[in-house]
C-alpha cells in the first residue's frame, strides 16, 4: 500500500523555485537559438538554389526524425571530444537546434501563406527581393506564425525536462532527487507538475493575448 502524504507539498514547494527558474532560463535561451536557426533555415528552405535548399532540408529531416534526448546526449558527450562545454550551454544548444527545425517549418509555412500578389506588387514598385521579404512578407508571416509558435514554445518548456538526463538542475531532476532522499517521490513529482502547469498556462495566456492584439491591429489597418 502506498503511503502518499500530499500534506508535505507546502513544506517543499518554495524549494523548487530556483529549479523552476533554471527551467525557464534553459527554455528561453534554447528558444532564442531556435528562433534564429528557424528563420535562417526557413529562408534557406525557400531558396531556389539547391546548394542552399538541400542542406536546410537535410537539417530539418535529421532533427525532426530523431528524438531530442538523443540529440542532447549526442551534443553533450560528442562535443566534449572537441571542446569543453558545460551541461547548461549544452542543454540550451540541443533545445535550440531541436526547436529550430520545427520553427523553420512554421516560418516556411507562414511565409508561403502570404499572397504572391503582394510580392509582385513590390516588384512592380521597384523594390528588391530582400526589401519585399523584410518589409512586406516577413511582418505578415510573423503574425500568422504566432499561434503555432506559441504551441512550440510550450512544447519546448516541457521538453526542457530532458536536460535532467545530463544533470542540469531543473525541475524534474530536483523532484526526482528530493523524492528519492525523502522517500516521497510522488509528492515531489506533484510539486513539479504544479510548476509546469503554471508556466505553460502563463505561456498560453501570453500567446493568446499577442494573437488577439495582432488580430485587432489587422482589423484597424483595414478600416
N, C-alpha and C. Protein backbone atom coordinates (compact mmCIF):
# COMPACT_ATOMS: atom_id res chain seq x y z
N UNK A 1 0.84 -1.21 0.00
CA UNK A 1 0.00 0.00 0.00
C UNK A 1 0.87 1.25 0.00
N UNK A 2 0.54 2.24 -0.84
CA UNK A 2 1.30 3.47 -0.93
C UNK A 2 0.86 4.46 0.13
N UNK A 3 1.81 4.94 0.90
CA UNK A 3 1.52 5.92 1.95
C UNK A 3 1.90 7.32 1.46
N UNK A 4 1.16 7.81 0.50
CA UNK A 4 1.44 9.13 -0.03
C UNK A 4 0.94 10.18 0.95
N UNK A 5 1.74 11.21 1.14
CA UNK A 5 1.38 12.28 2.08
C UNK A 5 1.51 13.63 1.38
N UNK A 6 0.46 14.05 0.71
CA UNK A 6 0.49 15.29 -0.05
C UNK A 6 0.42 16.53 0.84
N UNK A 7 0.28 16.33 2.13
CA UNK A 7 0.28 17.47 3.04
C UNK A 7 1.67 18.11 3.15
N UNK A 8 2.70 17.40 2.66
CA UNK A 8 4.07 17.94 2.74
C UNK A 8 4.35 18.90 1.59
N UNK A 9 3.44 19.00 0.63
CA UNK A 9 3.67 19.86 -0.54
C UNK A 9 3.98 21.31 -0.16
N UNK A 10 3.21 21.95 0.74
CA UNK A 10 3.56 23.33 1.13
C UNK A 10 4.95 23.46 1.73
N UNK A 11 5.40 22.43 2.42
CA UNK A 11 6.70 22.46 3.08
C UNK A 11 7.84 22.56 2.07
N UNK A 12 7.73 21.83 0.97
CA UNK A 12 8.81 21.76 -0.01
C UNK A 12 8.57 22.64 -1.24
N UNK A 13 7.41 23.24 -1.34
CA UNK A 13 7.02 23.94 -2.57
C UNK A 13 8.02 25.03 -2.96
N UNK A 14 8.39 25.89 -2.01
CA UNK A 14 9.28 27.01 -2.36
C UNK A 14 10.69 26.57 -2.71
N UNK A 15 11.09 25.39 -2.26
CA UNK A 15 12.45 24.91 -2.57
C UNK A 15 12.61 24.61 -4.06
N UNK A 16 11.49 24.52 -4.78
CA UNK A 16 11.53 24.24 -6.21
C UNK A 16 11.75 25.50 -7.06
N UNK A 17 11.60 26.67 -6.45
CA UNK A 17 11.65 27.92 -7.23
C UNK A 17 12.96 28.12 -8.00
N UNK A 18 14.15 27.92 -7.37
CA UNK A 18 15.39 28.09 -8.14
C UNK A 18 15.48 27.14 -9.32
N UNK A 19 14.93 25.96 -9.18
CA UNK A 19 14.98 24.95 -10.24
C UNK A 19 13.96 25.27 -11.34
N UNK A 20 12.85 25.89 -10.93
CA UNK A 20 11.89 26.37 -11.92
C UNK A 20 12.51 27.50 -12.73
N UNK A 21 13.28 28.35 -12.08
CA UNK A 21 13.97 29.45 -12.76
C UNK A 21 15.00 28.90 -13.74
N UNK A 22 15.69 27.82 -13.35
CA UNK A 22 16.63 27.20 -14.27
C UNK A 22 15.90 26.64 -15.48
N UNK A 23 14.74 26.05 -15.26
CA UNK A 23 13.92 25.54 -16.36
C UNK A 23 13.56 26.66 -17.33
N UNK A 24 13.17 27.80 -16.77
CA UNK A 24 12.81 28.96 -17.60
C UNK A 24 14.02 29.43 -18.39
N UNK A 25 15.18 29.52 -17.76
CA UNK A 25 16.39 30.00 -18.44
C UNK A 25 16.79 29.09 -19.59
N UNK A 26 16.80 27.80 -19.33
CA UNK A 26 17.16 26.85 -20.39
C UNK A 26 16.18 26.95 -21.55
N UNK A 27 14.90 27.09 -21.22
CA UNK A 27 13.87 27.19 -22.27
C UNK A 27 14.04 28.46 -23.08
N UNK A 28 14.24 29.59 -22.40
CA UNK A 28 14.35 30.89 -23.09
C UNK A 28 15.55 30.91 -24.02
N UNK A 29 16.71 30.51 -23.50
CA UNK A 29 17.92 30.53 -24.33
C UNK A 29 17.82 29.52 -25.47
N UNK A 30 17.21 28.37 -25.19
CA UNK A 30 17.01 27.39 -26.25
C UNK A 30 16.10 27.90 -27.35
N UNK A 31 15.05 28.63 -26.95
CA UNK A 31 14.11 29.18 -27.93
C UNK A 31 14.73 30.32 -28.73
N UNK A 32 15.57 31.12 -28.09
CA UNK A 32 16.24 32.20 -28.82
C UNK A 32 17.13 31.61 -29.91
N UNK A 33 17.87 30.56 -29.57
CA UNK A 33 18.68 29.88 -30.58
C UNK A 33 17.79 29.28 -31.65
N UNK A 34 16.68 28.67 -31.22
CA UNK A 34 15.76 28.05 -32.15
C UNK A 34 15.12 29.04 -33.11
N UNK A 35 14.78 30.23 -32.62
CA UNK A 35 14.17 31.25 -33.47
C UNK A 35 15.15 31.72 -34.55
N UNK A 36 16.40 31.93 -34.16
CA UNK A 36 17.41 32.36 -35.14
C UNK A 36 17.64 31.27 -36.18
N UNK A 37 17.83 30.04 -35.71
CA UNK A 37 18.03 28.92 -36.64
C UNK A 37 16.79 28.70 -37.49
N UNK A 38 15.63 28.79 -36.86
CA UNK A 38 14.38 28.54 -37.58
C UNK A 38 14.17 29.51 -38.72
N UNK A 39 14.35 30.81 -38.45
CA UNK A 39 14.17 31.81 -39.51
C UNK A 39 15.22 31.63 -40.60
N UNK A 40 16.46 31.39 -40.20
CA UNK A 40 17.53 31.22 -41.19
C UNK A 40 17.29 30.03 -42.09
N UNK A 41 16.95 28.90 -41.49
CA UNK A 41 16.75 27.69 -42.30
C UNK A 41 15.44 27.74 -43.08
N UNK A 42 14.46 28.49 -42.59
CA UNK A 42 13.22 28.66 -43.36
C UNK A 42 13.51 29.40 -44.66
N UNK A 43 14.32 30.45 -44.56
CA UNK A 43 14.69 31.21 -45.76
C UNK A 43 15.53 30.36 -46.72
N UNK A 44 16.44 29.56 -46.15
CA UNK A 44 17.24 28.67 -46.99
C UNK A 44 16.36 27.61 -47.66
N UNK A 45 15.39 27.14 -46.89
CA UNK A 45 14.47 26.12 -47.41
C UNK A 45 13.65 26.65 -48.58
N UNK A 46 13.38 27.95 -48.59
CA UNK A 46 12.59 28.56 -49.66
C UNK A 46 13.44 28.98 -50.85
N UNK A 47 14.75 28.89 -50.69
CA UNK A 47 15.64 29.30 -51.77
C UNK A 47 15.53 28.35 -52.96
N UNK A 48 15.66 28.90 -54.14
CA UNK A 48 15.63 28.09 -55.36
C UNK A 48 17.00 27.48 -55.66
N UNK A 49 18.03 27.94 -54.92
CA UNK A 49 19.38 27.41 -55.11
C UNK A 49 19.53 26.09 -54.35
N UNK A 50 19.86 25.03 -55.06
CA UNK A 50 19.97 23.72 -54.43
C UNK A 50 21.06 23.68 -53.38
N UNK A 51 22.12 24.44 -53.58
CA UNK A 51 23.23 24.45 -52.63
C UNK A 51 22.81 25.01 -51.28
N UNK A 52 21.74 25.81 -51.26
CA UNK A 52 21.20 26.34 -50.01
C UNK A 52 19.99 25.54 -49.54
N UNK A 53 19.20 25.09 -50.48
CA UNK A 53 17.95 24.39 -50.16
C UNK A 53 18.20 23.00 -49.57
N UNK A 54 19.11 22.24 -50.15
CA UNK A 54 19.32 20.86 -49.73
C UNK A 54 19.88 20.73 -48.31
N UNK A 55 20.87 21.55 -47.91
CA UNK A 55 21.34 21.47 -46.52
C UNK A 55 20.23 21.79 -45.51
N UNK A 56 19.35 22.75 -45.86
CA UNK A 56 18.24 23.09 -44.98
C UNK A 56 17.28 21.91 -44.86
N UNK A 57 16.99 21.27 -45.98
CA UNK A 57 16.12 20.09 -45.97
C UNK A 57 16.73 18.98 -45.12
N UNK A 58 18.05 18.79 -45.26
CA UNK A 58 18.74 17.73 -44.52
C UNK A 58 18.69 18.00 -43.02
N UNK A 59 18.90 19.24 -42.63
CA UNK A 59 18.86 19.62 -41.20
C UNK A 59 17.47 19.35 -40.62
N UNK A 60 16.44 19.81 -41.30
CA UNK A 60 15.07 19.62 -40.81
C UNK A 60 14.71 18.14 -40.76
N UNK A 61 15.11 17.39 -41.79
CA UNK A 61 14.83 15.95 -41.84
C UNK A 61 15.51 15.21 -40.70
N UNK A 62 16.79 15.52 -40.46
CA UNK A 62 17.55 14.81 -39.44
C UNK A 62 17.06 15.12 -38.03
N UNK A 63 16.80 16.40 -37.77
CA UNK A 63 16.39 16.80 -36.42
C UNK A 63 14.97 16.33 -36.10
N UNK A 64 14.07 16.46 -37.05
CA UNK A 64 12.69 16.02 -36.81
C UNK A 64 12.57 14.51 -36.78
N UNK A 65 13.55 13.83 -37.32
CA UNK A 65 13.50 12.37 -37.39
C UNK A 65 14.19 11.66 -36.24
N UNK A 66 14.79 12.42 -35.33
CA UNK A 66 15.46 11.82 -34.18
C UNK A 66 14.96 12.48 -32.89
N UNK A 67 14.94 11.74 -31.78
CA UNK A 67 14.42 12.31 -30.54
C UNK A 67 15.35 13.34 -29.91
N UNK A 68 14.76 14.27 -29.18
CA UNK A 68 15.52 15.32 -28.52
C UNK A 68 16.53 14.75 -27.53
N UNK A 69 16.15 13.72 -26.80
CA UNK A 69 17.06 13.14 -25.82
C UNK A 69 18.33 12.64 -26.48
N UNK A 70 18.19 11.99 -27.62
CA UNK A 70 19.35 11.51 -28.36
C UNK A 70 20.22 12.68 -28.80
N UNK A 71 19.60 13.74 -29.31
CA UNK A 71 20.33 14.93 -29.73
C UNK A 71 21.07 15.57 -28.57
N UNK A 72 20.41 15.62 -27.41
CA UNK A 72 21.01 16.21 -26.22
C UNK A 72 22.25 15.43 -25.79
N UNK A 73 22.14 14.11 -25.73
CA UNK A 73 23.27 13.27 -25.34
C UNK A 73 24.39 13.34 -26.38
N UNK A 74 23.99 13.40 -27.64
CA UNK A 74 24.97 13.47 -28.72
C UNK A 74 25.78 14.76 -28.63
N UNK A 75 25.09 15.87 -28.38
CA UNK A 75 25.78 17.16 -28.30
C UNK A 75 26.65 17.25 -27.05
N UNK A 76 26.10 16.82 -25.92
CA UNK A 76 26.83 16.96 -24.66
C UNK A 76 28.08 16.07 -24.63
N UNK A 77 27.89 14.79 -24.95
CA UNK A 77 29.02 13.87 -24.88
C UNK A 77 29.88 13.93 -26.14
N UNK A 78 29.28 14.30 -27.27
CA UNK A 78 30.05 14.38 -28.50
C UNK A 78 30.96 15.59 -28.57
N UNK A 79 30.44 16.74 -28.12
CA UNK A 79 31.23 17.97 -28.18
C UNK A 79 32.39 17.97 -27.21
N UNK A 80 32.29 17.15 -26.16
CA UNK A 80 33.37 17.08 -25.17
C UNK A 80 34.68 16.65 -25.82
N UNK A 81 34.58 15.85 -26.87
CA UNK A 81 35.78 15.38 -27.56
C UNK A 81 36.41 16.48 -28.42
N UNK A 82 35.64 17.55 -28.66
CA UNK A 82 36.13 18.65 -29.49
C UNK A 82 36.43 19.88 -28.65
N UNK A 83 35.48 20.25 -27.80
CA UNK A 83 35.60 21.46 -26.97
C UNK A 83 34.92 21.21 -25.63
N UNK A 84 35.48 21.81 -24.59
CA UNK A 84 34.88 21.67 -23.26
C UNK A 84 33.62 22.53 -23.19
N UNK A 85 32.50 21.92 -22.88
CA UNK A 85 31.23 22.65 -22.82
C UNK A 85 30.47 22.21 -21.59
N UNK A 86 29.94 23.16 -20.86
CA UNK A 86 29.19 22.86 -19.64
C UNK A 86 27.82 22.27 -20.00
N UNK A 87 27.23 21.60 -19.03
CA UNK A 87 25.96 20.92 -19.27
C UNK A 87 24.81 21.89 -19.57
N UNK A 88 24.82 23.09 -18.95
CA UNK A 88 23.73 24.04 -19.20
C UNK A 88 23.78 24.59 -20.62
N UNK A 89 24.94 25.10 -21.10
CA UNK A 89 25.01 25.50 -22.51
C UNK A 89 24.68 24.37 -23.47
N UNK A 90 25.10 23.15 -23.12
CA UNK A 90 24.80 22.00 -23.98
C UNK A 90 23.30 21.79 -24.09
N UNK A 91 22.59 21.92 -22.96
CA UNK A 91 21.14 21.77 -22.97
C UNK A 91 20.48 22.85 -23.80
N UNK A 92 20.96 24.09 -23.67
CA UNK A 92 20.39 25.20 -24.45
C UNK A 92 20.62 25.01 -25.94
N UNK A 93 21.82 24.57 -26.29
CA UNK A 93 22.15 24.34 -27.70
C UNK A 93 21.29 23.22 -28.28
N UNK A 94 21.17 22.13 -27.53
CA UNK A 94 20.37 21.00 -28.01
C UNK A 94 18.91 21.40 -28.18
N UNK A 95 18.38 22.11 -27.19
CA UNK A 95 16.99 22.56 -27.28
C UNK A 95 16.81 23.52 -28.45
N UNK A 96 17.80 24.39 -28.66
CA UNK A 96 17.73 25.34 -29.76
C UNK A 96 17.76 24.67 -31.12
N UNK A 97 18.68 23.74 -31.29
CA UNK A 97 18.79 23.02 -32.56
C UNK A 97 17.53 22.21 -32.84
N UNK A 98 17.01 21.58 -31.79
CA UNK A 98 15.79 20.76 -31.95
C UNK A 98 14.59 21.63 -32.35
N UNK A 99 14.37 22.70 -31.61
CA UNK A 99 13.23 23.57 -31.90
C UNK A 99 13.41 24.34 -33.20
N UNK A 100 14.67 24.60 -33.57
CA UNK A 100 14.94 25.32 -34.81
C UNK A 100 14.35 24.63 -36.02
N UNK A 101 14.38 23.29 -36.03
CA UNK A 101 13.85 22.55 -37.17
C UNK A 101 12.33 22.73 -37.27
N UNK A 102 11.65 22.68 -36.15
CA UNK A 102 10.19 22.84 -36.14
C UNK A 102 9.79 24.29 -36.41
N UNK A 103 10.54 25.22 -35.85
CA UNK A 103 10.26 26.63 -36.08
C UNK A 103 10.51 26.99 -37.55
N UNK A 104 11.51 26.37 -38.15
CA UNK A 104 11.78 26.60 -39.58
C UNK A 104 10.57 26.24 -40.43
N UNK A 105 9.95 25.12 -40.11
CA UNK A 105 8.76 24.71 -40.87
C UNK A 105 7.57 25.63 -40.59
N UNK A 106 7.48 26.14 -39.36
CA UNK A 106 6.42 27.09 -39.04
C UNK A 106 6.60 28.38 -39.85
N UNK A 107 7.81 28.89 -39.87
CA UNK A 107 8.09 30.11 -40.62
C UNK A 107 7.92 29.89 -42.13
N UNK A 108 8.37 28.74 -42.60
CA UNK A 108 8.24 28.45 -44.03
C UNK A 108 6.77 28.45 -44.45
N UNK A 109 5.94 27.78 -43.66
CA UNK A 109 4.51 27.75 -43.98
C UNK A 109 3.88 29.12 -43.90
N UNK A 110 4.28 29.91 -42.93
CA UNK A 110 3.73 31.26 -42.78
C UNK A 110 4.13 32.17 -43.93
N UNK A 111 5.38 32.06 -44.34
CA UNK A 111 5.87 32.87 -45.46
C UNK A 111 5.15 32.49 -46.75
N UNK A 112 4.98 31.18 -46.97
CA UNK A 112 4.32 30.72 -48.19
C UNK A 112 2.83 31.05 -48.21
N UNK A 113 2.26 31.30 -47.03
CA UNK A 113 0.83 31.60 -46.97
C UNK A 113 0.51 33.04 -47.37
N UNK A 114 1.55 33.90 -47.43
CA UNK A 114 1.34 35.28 -47.85
C UNK A 114 1.07 35.31 -49.35
N UNK A 115 0.05 36.06 -49.74
CA UNK A 115 -0.38 36.12 -51.13
C UNK A 115 0.78 36.54 -52.05
N UNK A 116 0.98 35.78 -53.12
CA UNK A 116 2.05 36.07 -54.08
C UNK A 116 1.86 37.44 -54.75
N UNK A 117 0.61 37.88 -54.79
CA UNK A 117 0.35 39.17 -55.42
C UNK A 117 1.06 40.31 -54.73
N UNK A 118 1.30 40.19 -53.44
CA UNK A 118 1.99 41.25 -52.71
C UNK A 118 3.46 41.32 -53.11
N UNK A 119 4.05 40.17 -53.38
CA UNK A 119 5.43 40.14 -53.86
C UNK A 119 5.51 40.79 -55.24
N UNK A 120 4.53 40.47 -56.08
CA UNK A 120 4.52 41.03 -57.43
C UNK A 120 4.29 42.54 -57.39
N UNK A 121 3.46 42.98 -56.45
CA UNK A 121 3.21 44.41 -56.30
C UNK A 121 4.49 45.13 -55.88
N UNK A 122 5.25 44.51 -54.98
CA UNK A 122 6.51 45.10 -54.54
C UNK A 122 7.51 45.19 -55.67
N UNK A 123 7.57 44.16 -56.50
CA UNK A 123 8.48 44.17 -57.65
C UNK A 123 8.09 45.26 -58.64
N UNK A 124 6.78 45.46 -58.81
CA UNK A 124 6.31 46.49 -59.75
C UNK A 124 6.66 47.89 -59.26
N UNK A 125 6.86 48.03 -57.95
CA UNK A 125 7.24 49.32 -57.38
C UNK A 125 8.75 49.52 -57.36
N UNK A 126 9.46 48.55 -57.89
CA UNK A 126 10.91 48.67 -57.98
C UNK A 126 11.65 48.20 -56.73
N UNK A 127 10.97 47.50 -55.83
CA UNK A 127 11.61 47.00 -54.62
C UNK A 127 12.41 45.75 -54.93
N UNK A 128 13.52 45.58 -54.21
CA UNK A 128 14.32 44.37 -54.37
C UNK A 128 13.66 43.22 -53.62
N UNK A 129 14.07 42.00 -53.95
CA UNK A 129 13.50 40.82 -53.28
C UNK A 129 13.76 40.87 -51.78
N UNK A 130 14.94 41.37 -51.39
CA UNK A 130 15.28 41.47 -49.98
C UNK A 130 14.37 42.44 -49.24
N UNK A 131 14.09 43.58 -49.85
CA UNK A 131 13.21 44.57 -49.21
C UNK A 131 11.78 44.07 -49.15
N UNK A 132 11.35 43.37 -50.19
CA UNK A 132 10.00 42.81 -50.20
C UNK A 132 9.84 41.81 -49.05
N UNK A 133 10.85 40.96 -48.88
CA UNK A 133 10.81 39.97 -47.82
C UNK A 133 10.82 40.65 -46.45
N UNK A 134 11.67 41.64 -46.28
CA UNK A 134 11.82 42.31 -44.99
C UNK A 134 10.63 43.18 -44.63
N UNK A 135 10.13 43.96 -45.59
CA UNK A 135 9.11 44.97 -45.30
C UNK A 135 7.67 44.52 -45.55
N UNK A 136 7.48 43.50 -46.38
CA UNK A 136 6.12 43.09 -46.74
C UNK A 136 5.81 41.67 -46.26
N UNK A 137 6.66 40.72 -46.65
CA UNK A 137 6.36 39.31 -46.40
C UNK A 137 6.54 38.93 -44.94
N UNK A 138 7.72 39.22 -44.38
CA UNK A 138 8.02 38.76 -43.02
C UNK A 138 7.08 39.33 -41.95
N UNK A 139 6.73 40.63 -41.98
CA UNK A 139 5.79 41.12 -40.96
C UNK A 139 4.47 40.35 -40.94
N UNK A 140 3.95 40.04 -42.12
CA UNK A 140 2.70 39.28 -42.18
C UNK A 140 2.92 37.83 -41.77
N UNK A 141 4.07 37.27 -42.16
CA UNK A 141 4.37 35.88 -41.82
C UNK A 141 4.51 35.71 -40.30
N UNK A 142 5.14 36.68 -39.65
CA UNK A 142 5.30 36.60 -38.20
C UNK A 142 3.95 36.59 -37.49
N UNK A 143 3.03 37.40 -37.98
CA UNK A 143 1.69 37.43 -37.38
C UNK A 143 1.00 36.08 -37.52
N UNK A 144 1.12 35.48 -38.68
CA UNK A 144 0.48 34.20 -38.92
C UNK A 144 1.18 33.06 -38.16
N UNK A 145 2.43 33.28 -37.81
CA UNK A 145 3.20 32.24 -37.13
C UNK A 145 2.97 32.23 -35.62
N UNK A 146 2.32 33.26 -35.09
CA UNK A 146 2.17 33.38 -33.63
C UNK A 146 1.48 32.17 -32.99
N UNK A 147 0.32 31.71 -33.48
CA UNK A 147 -0.34 30.56 -32.83
C UNK A 147 0.53 29.29 -32.80
N UNK A 148 1.08 28.86 -33.96
CA UNK A 148 1.93 27.65 -33.90
C UNK A 148 3.21 27.87 -33.11
N UNK A 149 3.76 29.09 -33.12
CA UNK A 149 4.95 29.37 -32.32
C UNK A 149 4.63 29.26 -30.83
N UNK A 150 3.46 29.75 -30.44
CA UNK A 150 3.04 29.63 -29.05
C UNK A 150 2.99 28.18 -28.61
N UNK A 151 2.45 27.33 -29.46
CA UNK A 151 2.40 25.89 -29.15
C UNK A 151 3.79 25.29 -29.06
N UNK A 152 4.67 25.73 -29.96
CA UNK A 152 6.04 25.20 -29.96
C UNK A 152 6.80 25.65 -28.71
N UNK A 153 6.54 26.86 -28.25
CA UNK A 153 7.19 27.35 -27.03
C UNK A 153 6.77 26.50 -25.82
N UNK A 154 5.50 26.14 -25.78
CA UNK A 154 5.00 25.30 -24.67
C UNK A 154 5.65 23.93 -24.73
N UNK A 155 5.76 23.38 -25.93
CA UNK A 155 6.43 22.08 -26.10
C UNK A 155 7.88 22.17 -25.64
N UNK A 156 8.55 23.27 -26.00
CA UNK A 156 9.95 23.46 -25.62
C UNK A 156 10.11 23.52 -24.11
N UNK A 157 9.18 24.20 -23.44
CA UNK A 157 9.23 24.29 -21.99
C UNK A 157 9.15 22.90 -21.36
N UNK A 158 8.24 22.09 -21.85
CA UNK A 158 8.10 20.73 -21.31
C UNK A 158 9.30 19.86 -21.69
N UNK A 159 9.81 20.05 -22.89
CA UNK A 159 10.96 19.26 -23.34
C UNK A 159 12.22 19.58 -22.55
N UNK A 160 12.27 20.76 -21.94
CA UNK A 160 13.46 21.14 -21.16
C UNK A 160 13.70 20.18 -20.01
N UNK A 161 12.67 19.42 -19.62
CA UNK A 161 12.82 18.44 -18.54
C UNK A 161 13.84 17.36 -18.90
N UNK A 162 14.07 17.16 -20.20
CA UNK A 162 15.04 16.15 -20.63
C UNK A 162 16.47 16.54 -20.28
N UNK A 163 16.67 17.83 -19.96
CA UNK A 163 18.01 18.27 -19.55
C UNK A 163 18.46 17.59 -18.27
N UNK A 164 17.51 17.01 -17.54
CA UNK A 164 17.85 16.27 -16.33
C UNK A 164 18.72 15.06 -16.66
N UNK A 165 18.69 14.61 -17.92
CA UNK A 165 19.48 13.45 -18.33
C UNK A 165 20.98 13.73 -18.26
N UNK A 166 21.37 15.01 -18.34
CA UNK A 166 22.78 15.36 -18.20
C UNK A 166 23.01 16.18 -16.92
N UNK A 167 22.11 15.98 -15.96
CA UNK A 167 22.23 16.55 -14.61
C UNK A 167 22.13 18.06 -14.54
N UNK A 168 21.36 18.66 -15.45
CA UNK A 168 21.05 20.09 -15.33
C UNK A 168 20.04 20.25 -14.20
N UNK A 169 20.30 21.17 -13.29
CA UNK A 169 19.45 21.33 -12.11
C UNK A 169 18.14 22.01 -12.38
N UNK A 170 17.26 21.33 -13.10
CA UNK A 170 15.95 21.89 -13.40
C UNK A 170 14.88 21.17 -12.58
N UNK A 171 13.63 21.44 -12.84
CA UNK A 171 12.53 20.96 -12.01
C UNK A 171 12.49 19.44 -11.84
N UNK A 172 12.55 18.73 -12.95
CA UNK A 172 12.37 17.29 -12.87
C UNK A 172 13.50 16.62 -12.10
N UNK A 173 14.73 17.07 -12.34
CA UNK A 173 15.87 16.49 -11.62
C UNK A 173 15.74 16.72 -10.13
N UNK A 174 15.36 17.95 -9.74
CA UNK A 174 15.20 18.27 -8.32
C UNK A 174 14.09 17.41 -7.70
N UNK A 175 13.00 17.25 -8.43
CA UNK A 175 11.88 16.45 -7.93
C UNK A 175 12.30 15.01 -7.70
N UNK A 176 13.04 14.46 -8.64
CA UNK A 176 13.49 13.07 -8.51
C UNK A 176 14.49 12.90 -7.37
N UNK A 177 15.43 13.83 -7.27
CA UNK A 177 16.45 13.72 -6.23
C UNK A 177 15.84 13.91 -4.84
N UNK A 178 15.00 14.94 -4.70
CA UNK A 178 14.37 15.19 -3.41
C UNK A 178 13.40 14.07 -3.04
N UNK A 179 12.68 13.58 -4.04
CA UNK A 179 11.75 12.50 -3.80
C UNK A 179 12.44 11.23 -3.33
N UNK A 180 13.62 10.95 -3.93
CA UNK A 180 14.37 9.77 -3.54
C UNK A 180 14.94 9.89 -2.13
N UNK A 181 15.46 11.09 -1.81
CA UNK A 181 16.08 11.28 -0.49
C UNK A 181 15.04 11.31 0.63
N UNK A 182 13.83 11.81 0.32
CA UNK A 182 12.78 11.91 1.34
C UNK A 182 11.78 10.75 1.27
N UNK A 183 11.99 9.84 0.30
CA UNK A 183 11.08 8.71 0.09
C UNK A 183 9.64 9.21 -0.14
N UNK A 184 9.55 10.31 -0.90
CA UNK A 184 8.24 10.90 -1.22
C UNK A 184 8.24 11.33 -2.69
N UNK A 185 8.52 10.37 -3.56
CA UNK A 185 8.68 10.68 -4.98
C UNK A 185 7.41 11.26 -5.59
N UNK A 186 6.26 10.66 -5.34
CA UNK A 186 5.02 11.13 -5.94
C UNK A 186 4.68 12.55 -5.49
N UNK A 187 4.95 12.84 -4.23
CA UNK A 187 4.66 14.18 -3.71
C UNK A 187 5.53 15.23 -4.40
N UNK A 188 6.83 14.89 -4.59
CA UNK A 188 7.74 15.84 -5.23
C UNK A 188 7.43 15.99 -6.73
N UNK A 189 7.05 14.91 -7.35
CA UNK A 189 6.65 14.99 -8.77
C UNK A 189 5.37 15.82 -8.92
N UNK A 190 4.51 15.76 -7.96
CA UNK A 190 3.29 16.57 -7.98
C UNK A 190 3.62 18.06 -7.92
N UNK A 191 4.59 18.41 -7.08
CA UNK A 191 5.02 19.82 -7.00
C UNK A 191 5.58 20.27 -8.34
N UNK A 192 6.43 19.43 -8.95
CA UNK A 192 6.99 19.76 -10.27
C UNK A 192 5.87 19.94 -11.29
N UNK A 193 4.86 19.08 -11.24
CA UNK A 193 3.74 19.18 -12.17
C UNK A 193 2.99 20.49 -12.00
N UNK A 194 2.84 20.94 -10.75
CA UNK A 194 2.16 22.22 -10.48
C UNK A 194 2.94 23.38 -11.11
N UNK A 195 4.25 23.35 -10.96
CA UNK A 195 5.09 24.40 -11.55
C UNK A 195 4.98 24.39 -13.07
N UNK A 196 5.04 23.19 -13.68
CA UNK A 196 4.94 23.10 -15.14
C UNK A 196 3.58 23.60 -15.63
N UNK A 197 2.53 23.22 -14.93
CA UNK A 197 1.18 23.67 -15.31
C UNK A 197 1.06 25.19 -15.22
N UNK A 198 1.65 25.77 -14.18
CA UNK A 198 1.61 27.22 -14.04
C UNK A 198 2.35 27.90 -15.19
N UNK A 199 3.54 27.43 -15.50
CA UNK A 199 4.35 28.07 -16.54
C UNK A 199 3.73 27.90 -17.92
N UNK A 200 3.19 26.71 -18.21
CA UNK A 200 2.56 26.51 -19.52
C UNK A 200 1.28 27.34 -19.64
N UNK A 201 0.58 27.52 -18.53
CA UNK A 201 -0.63 28.36 -18.54
C UNK A 201 -0.26 29.81 -18.82
N UNK A 202 0.80 30.29 -18.20
CA UNK A 202 1.26 31.67 -18.44
C UNK A 202 1.63 31.84 -19.91
N UNK A 203 2.35 30.88 -20.47
CA UNK A 203 2.72 30.95 -21.88
C UNK A 203 1.49 30.95 -22.78
N UNK A 204 0.51 30.14 -22.45
CA UNK A 204 -0.72 30.08 -23.24
C UNK A 204 -1.46 31.41 -23.21
N UNK A 205 -1.56 32.01 -22.04
CA UNK A 205 -2.24 33.30 -21.89
C UNK A 205 -1.51 34.38 -22.69
N UNK A 206 -0.19 34.42 -22.59
CA UNK A 206 0.60 35.42 -23.32
C UNK A 206 0.42 35.24 -24.83
N UNK A 207 0.48 33.98 -25.28
CA UNK A 207 0.31 33.69 -26.70
C UNK A 207 -1.06 34.13 -27.20
N UNK A 208 -2.10 33.87 -26.42
CA UNK A 208 -3.46 34.27 -26.80
C UNK A 208 -3.61 35.79 -26.84
N UNK A 209 -2.99 36.47 -25.88
CA UNK A 209 -3.05 37.94 -25.85
C UNK A 209 -2.35 38.55 -27.06
N UNK A 210 -1.18 38.01 -27.38
CA UNK A 210 -0.44 38.50 -28.56
C UNK A 210 -1.23 38.26 -29.83
N UNK A 211 -1.82 37.08 -29.93
CA UNK A 211 -2.62 36.74 -31.11
C UNK A 211 -3.81 37.68 -31.26
N UNK A 212 -4.50 37.96 -30.15
CA UNK A 212 -5.65 38.86 -30.19
C UNK A 212 -5.23 40.28 -30.56
N UNK A 213 -4.10 40.72 -30.01
CA UNK A 213 -3.62 42.07 -30.31
C UNK A 213 -3.27 42.22 -31.78
N UNK A 214 -2.64 41.21 -32.34
CA UNK A 214 -2.28 41.27 -33.76
C UNK A 214 -3.52 41.25 -34.65
N UNK A 215 -4.54 40.50 -34.22
CA UNK A 215 -5.79 40.48 -34.99
C UNK A 215 -6.48 41.85 -34.95
N UNK A 216 -6.42 42.49 -33.78
CA UNK A 216 -7.02 43.83 -33.63
C UNK A 216 -6.29 44.83 -34.53
N UNK A 217 -4.96 44.74 -34.55
CA UNK A 217 -4.19 45.67 -35.39
C UNK A 217 -4.48 45.45 -36.86
N UNK A 218 -4.68 44.18 -37.25
CA UNK A 218 -5.05 43.89 -38.63
C UNK A 218 -6.40 44.48 -39.00
N UNK A 219 -7.36 44.38 -38.07
CA UNK A 219 -8.69 44.92 -38.31
C UNK A 219 -8.65 46.44 -38.44
N UNK A 220 -7.84 47.08 -37.59
CA UNK A 220 -7.73 48.54 -37.65
C UNK A 220 -7.10 49.00 -38.94
N UNK A 221 -6.14 48.20 -39.43
CA UNK A 221 -5.44 48.62 -40.65
C UNK A 221 -6.32 48.51 -41.88
N UNK A 222 -7.41 47.72 -41.77
CA UNK A 222 -8.30 47.57 -42.91
C UNK A 222 -9.44 48.57 -42.91
N UNK A 223 -9.55 49.35 -41.81
CA UNK A 223 -10.64 50.33 -41.73
C UNK A 223 -10.31 51.56 -42.57
